[in-house]
């Protein structure tokens, strides 16, 4: 249930920030990772650099979604509500720079 709660919070915050989720059908999304599209006003490289500059590391993607989708892990020790709050706050601050 911890993974599901953290995943739900992460996805809701992303939606509130105007970030589109991948896949669109949330019911088939993993409980341990959230994938989202890189916002239109950003490149993956810039978003990744800004996040890393603040100590937040997210995963990029491969294949046809490379540069278009990023992944936020929330499993094991990272399935922590305080940690995901901090991560989403960091992402929100960065996206305001667009």
N, C-alpha and C. Protein backbone atom coordinates (compact mmCIF):
# COMPACT_ATOMS: atom_id res chain seq x y z
N UNK A 1 0.82 -1.20 0.00
CA UNK A 1 0.00 0.00 0.00
C UNK A 1 0.87 1.27 0.00
N UNK A 2 2.07 1.17 0.61
CA UNK A 2 2.98 2.33 0.64
C UNK A 2 3.36 2.75 -0.78
N UNK A 3 3.68 1.76 -1.62
CA UNK A 3 4.04 2.07 -3.00
C UNK A 3 2.87 2.72 -3.74
N UNK A 4 1.68 2.20 -3.54
CA UNK A 4 0.49 2.75 -4.20
C UNK A 4 0.22 4.18 -3.75
N UNK A 5 0.38 4.45 -2.46
CA UNK A 5 0.13 5.81 -1.95
C UNK A 5 1.14 6.80 -2.51
N UNK A 6 2.40 6.43 -2.52
CA UNK A 6 3.44 7.32 -3.04
C UNK A 6 3.25 7.53 -4.54
N UNK A 7 2.93 6.46 -5.27
CA UNK A 7 2.69 6.57 -6.71
C UNK A 7 1.51 7.50 -6.99
N UNK A 8 0.43 7.36 -6.26
CA UNK A 8 -0.75 8.20 -6.47
C UNK A 8 -0.42 9.67 -6.21
N UNK A 9 0.32 9.94 -5.14
CA UNK A 9 0.71 11.32 -4.84
C UNK A 9 1.60 11.88 -5.94
N UNK A 10 2.59 11.12 -6.36
CA UNK A 10 3.52 11.57 -7.40
C UNK A 10 2.75 11.91 -8.68
N UNK A 11 1.86 11.04 -9.08
CA UNK A 11 1.10 11.25 -10.32
C UNK A 11 0.17 12.45 -10.22
N UNK A 12 -0.45 12.61 -9.06
CA UNK A 12 -1.35 13.76 -8.90
C UNK A 12 -0.57 15.07 -8.94
N UNK A 13 0.57 15.10 -8.28
CA UNK A 13 1.41 16.32 -8.32
C UNK A 13 1.85 16.63 -9.73
N UNK A 14 2.27 15.61 -10.49
CA UNK A 14 2.67 15.84 -11.88
C UNK A 14 1.52 16.42 -12.68
N UNK A 15 0.34 15.85 -12.51
CA UNK A 15 -0.83 16.37 -13.24
C UNK A 15 -1.11 17.81 -12.83
N UNK A 16 -1.00 18.11 -11.54
CA UNK A 16 -1.22 19.48 -11.07
C UNK A 16 -0.21 20.45 -11.65
N UNK A 17 0.99 19.96 -11.97
CA UNK A 17 2.03 20.79 -12.58
C UNK A 17 1.85 20.89 -14.09
N UNK A 18 0.85 20.21 -14.63
CA UNK A 18 0.62 20.24 -16.06
C UNK A 18 1.50 19.28 -16.84
N UNK A 19 2.10 18.31 -16.16
CA UNK A 19 2.97 17.33 -16.80
C UNK A 19 2.11 16.11 -17.17
N UNK A 20 2.17 15.72 -18.44
CA UNK A 20 1.39 14.57 -18.92
C UNK A 20 2.04 13.27 -18.50
N UNK A 21 1.23 12.35 -18.05
CA UNK A 21 1.72 11.05 -17.62
C UNK A 21 1.83 10.08 -18.79
N UNK A 22 2.72 9.10 -18.63
CA UNK A 22 2.84 8.01 -19.58
C UNK A 22 2.84 6.73 -18.77
N UNK A 23 1.98 5.79 -19.05
CA UNK A 23 0.95 5.79 -20.08
C UNK A 23 -0.24 6.64 -19.67
N UNK A 24 -1.05 6.96 -20.64
CA UNK A 24 -2.23 7.80 -20.39
C UNK A 24 -3.21 7.06 -19.48
N UNK A 25 -3.32 5.75 -19.65
CA UNK A 25 -4.23 4.95 -18.82
C UNK A 25 -3.50 4.61 -17.52
N UNK A 26 -3.83 5.34 -16.50
CA UNK A 26 -3.10 5.23 -15.23
C UNK A 26 -3.23 3.87 -14.56
N UNK A 27 -4.31 3.17 -14.83
CA UNK A 27 -4.55 1.87 -14.20
C UNK A 27 -3.51 0.82 -14.60
N UNK A 28 -2.81 1.03 -15.71
CA UNK A 28 -1.79 0.06 -16.12
C UNK A 28 -0.39 0.51 -15.75
N UNK A 29 -0.27 1.63 -15.08
CA UNK A 29 1.05 2.15 -14.67
C UNK A 29 1.61 1.32 -13.51
N UNK A 30 2.91 1.29 -13.42
CA UNK A 30 3.59 0.55 -12.36
C UNK A 30 3.41 1.24 -11.01
N UNK A 31 3.30 0.47 -9.92
CA UNK A 31 3.23 1.09 -8.60
C UNK A 31 4.60 1.54 -8.10
N UNK A 32 5.68 1.20 -8.82
CA UNK A 32 7.02 1.51 -8.32
C UNK A 32 7.78 2.54 -9.15
N UNK A 33 7.20 3.00 -10.25
CA UNK A 33 7.82 4.03 -11.07
C UNK A 33 6.73 4.81 -11.79
N UNK A 34 6.94 6.10 -11.90
CA UNK A 34 6.02 6.95 -12.66
C UNK A 34 6.77 7.49 -13.85
N UNK A 35 6.15 7.38 -15.01
CA UNK A 35 6.73 7.92 -16.23
C UNK A 35 5.89 9.11 -16.69
N UNK A 36 6.56 10.12 -17.20
CA UNK A 36 5.88 11.33 -17.64
C UNK A 36 6.61 11.92 -18.84
N UNK A 37 5.87 12.65 -19.64
CA UNK A 37 6.48 13.32 -20.79
C UNK A 37 7.27 14.54 -20.33
N UNK A 38 8.40 14.77 -20.96
CA UNK A 38 9.15 15.99 -20.73
C UNK A 38 8.26 17.15 -21.18
N UNK A 39 8.06 18.16 -20.36
CA UNK A 39 7.21 19.29 -20.77
C UNK A 39 7.68 19.91 -22.09
N UNK A 40 6.73 20.40 -22.87
CA UNK A 40 7.01 20.94 -24.20
C UNK A 40 8.04 22.06 -24.21
N UNK A 41 8.11 22.84 -23.15
CA UNK A 41 9.04 23.98 -23.12
C UNK A 41 10.43 23.58 -22.65
N UNK A 42 10.67 22.29 -22.44
CA UNK A 42 11.94 21.78 -21.94
C UNK A 42 12.50 20.74 -22.89
N UNK A 43 13.82 20.54 -22.82
CA UNK A 43 14.43 19.37 -23.42
C UNK A 43 14.78 18.42 -22.29
N UNK A 44 14.91 17.15 -22.61
CA UNK A 44 15.32 16.19 -21.59
C UNK A 44 16.66 16.57 -20.99
N UNK A 45 17.60 16.97 -21.83
CA UNK A 45 18.94 17.29 -21.34
C UNK A 45 18.91 18.45 -20.34
N UNK A 46 18.12 19.47 -20.63
CA UNK A 46 18.04 20.62 -19.73
C UNK A 46 17.34 20.24 -18.42
N UNK A 47 16.23 19.51 -18.53
CA UNK A 47 15.50 19.10 -17.33
C UNK A 47 16.38 18.22 -16.45
N UNK A 48 17.05 17.26 -17.05
CA UNK A 48 17.94 16.37 -16.31
C UNK A 48 19.05 17.16 -15.61
N UNK A 49 19.66 18.09 -16.31
CA UNK A 49 20.73 18.89 -15.73
C UNK A 49 20.23 19.74 -14.57
N UNK A 50 19.08 20.36 -14.73
CA UNK A 50 18.52 21.20 -13.66
C UNK A 50 18.19 20.36 -12.43
N UNK A 51 17.59 19.19 -12.63
CA UNK A 51 17.25 18.32 -11.51
C UNK A 51 18.51 17.84 -10.79
N UNK A 52 19.49 17.38 -11.56
CA UNK A 52 20.74 16.90 -10.96
C UNK A 52 21.45 18.02 -10.21
N UNK A 53 21.34 19.24 -10.71
CA UNK A 53 21.94 20.38 -10.04
C UNK A 53 21.35 20.64 -8.67
N UNK A 54 20.16 20.12 -8.44
CA UNK A 54 19.51 20.26 -7.14
C UNK A 54 19.49 18.94 -6.37
N UNK A 55 20.24 17.96 -6.88
CA UNK A 55 20.37 16.70 -6.16
C UNK A 55 19.28 15.68 -6.43
N UNK A 56 18.47 15.90 -7.46
CA UNK A 56 17.40 14.95 -7.79
C UNK A 56 17.75 14.24 -9.09
N UNK A 57 17.76 12.92 -9.02
CA UNK A 57 18.09 12.13 -10.21
C UNK A 57 16.85 11.34 -10.62
N UNK A 58 16.45 11.51 -11.87
CA UNK A 58 15.37 10.74 -12.46
C UNK A 58 15.94 10.02 -13.68
N UNK A 59 15.21 9.03 -14.16
CA UNK A 59 15.68 8.28 -15.31
C UNK A 59 15.16 8.84 -16.61
N UNK A 60 15.98 8.74 -17.63
CA UNK A 60 15.52 9.07 -18.98
C UNK A 60 14.82 7.87 -19.56
N UNK A 61 14.69 7.84 -20.87
CA UNK A 61 14.06 6.70 -21.52
C UNK A 61 14.87 6.29 -22.71
N UNK A 62 14.46 5.22 -23.33
CA UNK A 62 15.19 4.60 -24.44
C UNK A 62 14.26 4.42 -25.64
N UNK A 63 14.86 4.07 -26.76
CA UNK A 63 14.07 3.75 -27.95
C UNK A 63 13.30 4.95 -28.46
N UNK A 64 12.10 4.70 -28.92
CA UNK A 64 11.31 5.76 -29.55
C UNK A 64 10.90 6.87 -28.57
N UNK A 65 10.96 6.59 -27.28
CA UNK A 65 10.59 7.60 -26.28
C UNK A 65 11.79 8.35 -25.71
N UNK A 66 12.99 8.05 -26.22
CA UNK A 66 14.20 8.71 -25.73
C UNK A 66 14.07 10.23 -25.91
N UNK A 67 14.35 10.97 -24.84
CA UNK A 67 14.27 12.43 -24.88
C UNK A 67 12.86 12.97 -24.72
N UNK A 68 11.87 12.09 -24.68
CA UNK A 68 10.48 12.52 -24.57
C UNK A 68 9.85 12.19 -23.22
N UNK A 69 10.35 11.14 -22.58
CA UNK A 69 9.75 10.64 -21.34
C UNK A 69 10.83 10.51 -20.28
N UNK A 70 10.49 10.84 -19.04
CA UNK A 70 11.40 10.61 -17.91
C UNK A 70 10.67 9.79 -16.87
N UNK A 71 11.45 9.15 -15.99
CA UNK A 71 10.87 8.25 -15.01
C UNK A 71 11.31 8.62 -13.60
N UNK A 72 10.35 8.60 -12.68
CA UNK A 72 10.60 8.87 -11.27
C UNK A 72 10.38 7.56 -10.51
N UNK A 73 11.43 7.05 -9.90
CA UNK A 73 11.32 5.82 -9.15
C UNK A 73 10.80 6.07 -7.75
N UNK A 74 9.93 5.20 -7.30
CA UNK A 74 9.42 5.26 -5.92
C UNK A 74 9.16 3.83 -5.44
N UNK A 75 10.29 3.16 -5.21
CA UNK A 75 10.22 1.79 -4.71
C UNK A 75 11.27 1.62 -3.62
N UNK A 76 11.12 0.59 -2.82
CA UNK A 76 12.06 0.37 -1.73
C UNK A 76 12.13 1.58 -0.81
N UNK A 77 13.34 2.02 -0.50
CA UNK A 77 13.53 3.17 0.38
C UNK A 77 12.97 4.46 -0.20
N UNK A 78 12.83 4.51 -1.53
CA UNK A 78 12.31 5.72 -2.17
C UNK A 78 10.79 5.80 -2.12
N UNK A 79 10.14 4.75 -1.67
CA UNK A 79 8.68 4.77 -1.49
C UNK A 79 8.40 5.43 -0.14
N UNK A 80 8.75 6.69 -0.08
CA UNK A 80 8.72 7.46 1.16
C UNK A 80 8.01 8.77 0.86
N UNK A 81 6.92 9.03 1.54
CA UNK A 81 6.10 10.20 1.23
C UNK A 81 6.88 11.50 1.41
N UNK A 82 7.71 11.60 2.44
CA UNK A 82 8.48 12.83 2.64
C UNK A 82 9.45 13.05 1.48
N UNK A 83 10.06 11.98 1.01
CA UNK A 83 11.01 12.08 -0.09
C UNK A 83 10.32 12.47 -1.39
N UNK A 84 9.15 11.91 -1.65
CA UNK A 84 8.44 12.25 -2.89
C UNK A 84 7.90 13.68 -2.83
N UNK A 85 7.51 14.13 -1.64
CA UNK A 85 7.11 15.54 -1.47
C UNK A 85 8.28 16.45 -1.86
N UNK A 86 9.45 16.15 -1.33
CA UNK A 86 10.64 16.95 -1.62
C UNK A 86 10.95 16.92 -3.12
N UNK A 87 10.89 15.76 -3.72
CA UNK A 87 11.16 15.64 -5.15
C UNK A 87 10.17 16.42 -6.00
N UNK A 88 8.91 16.33 -5.66
CA UNK A 88 7.89 17.05 -6.44
C UNK A 88 8.00 18.56 -6.23
N UNK A 89 8.37 18.98 -5.02
CA UNK A 89 8.60 20.41 -4.77
C UNK A 89 9.79 20.90 -5.60
N UNK A 90 10.84 20.09 -5.67
CA UNK A 90 12.01 20.44 -6.47
C UNK A 90 11.64 20.56 -7.94
N UNK A 91 10.91 19.59 -8.45
CA UNK A 91 10.48 19.63 -9.85
C UNK A 91 9.61 20.86 -10.11
N UNK A 92 8.71 21.17 -9.20
CA UNK A 92 7.85 22.34 -9.37
C UNK A 92 8.67 23.63 -9.46
N UNK A 93 9.67 23.77 -8.60
CA UNK A 93 10.54 24.95 -8.64
C UNK A 93 11.27 25.07 -9.97
N UNK A 94 11.75 23.97 -10.45
CA UNK A 94 12.49 23.96 -11.71
C UNK A 94 11.57 24.29 -12.89
N UNK A 95 10.39 23.71 -12.91
CA UNK A 95 9.49 23.96 -14.05
C UNK A 95 9.02 25.40 -14.10
N UNK A 96 9.04 26.10 -12.98
CA UNK A 96 8.67 27.52 -12.99
C UNK A 96 9.67 28.36 -13.78
N UNK A 97 10.88 27.81 -14.00
CA UNK A 97 11.93 28.54 -14.71
C UNK A 97 11.71 28.58 -16.22
N UNK A 98 10.79 27.75 -16.71
CA UNK A 98 10.59 27.63 -18.16
C UNK A 98 10.33 28.90 -18.83
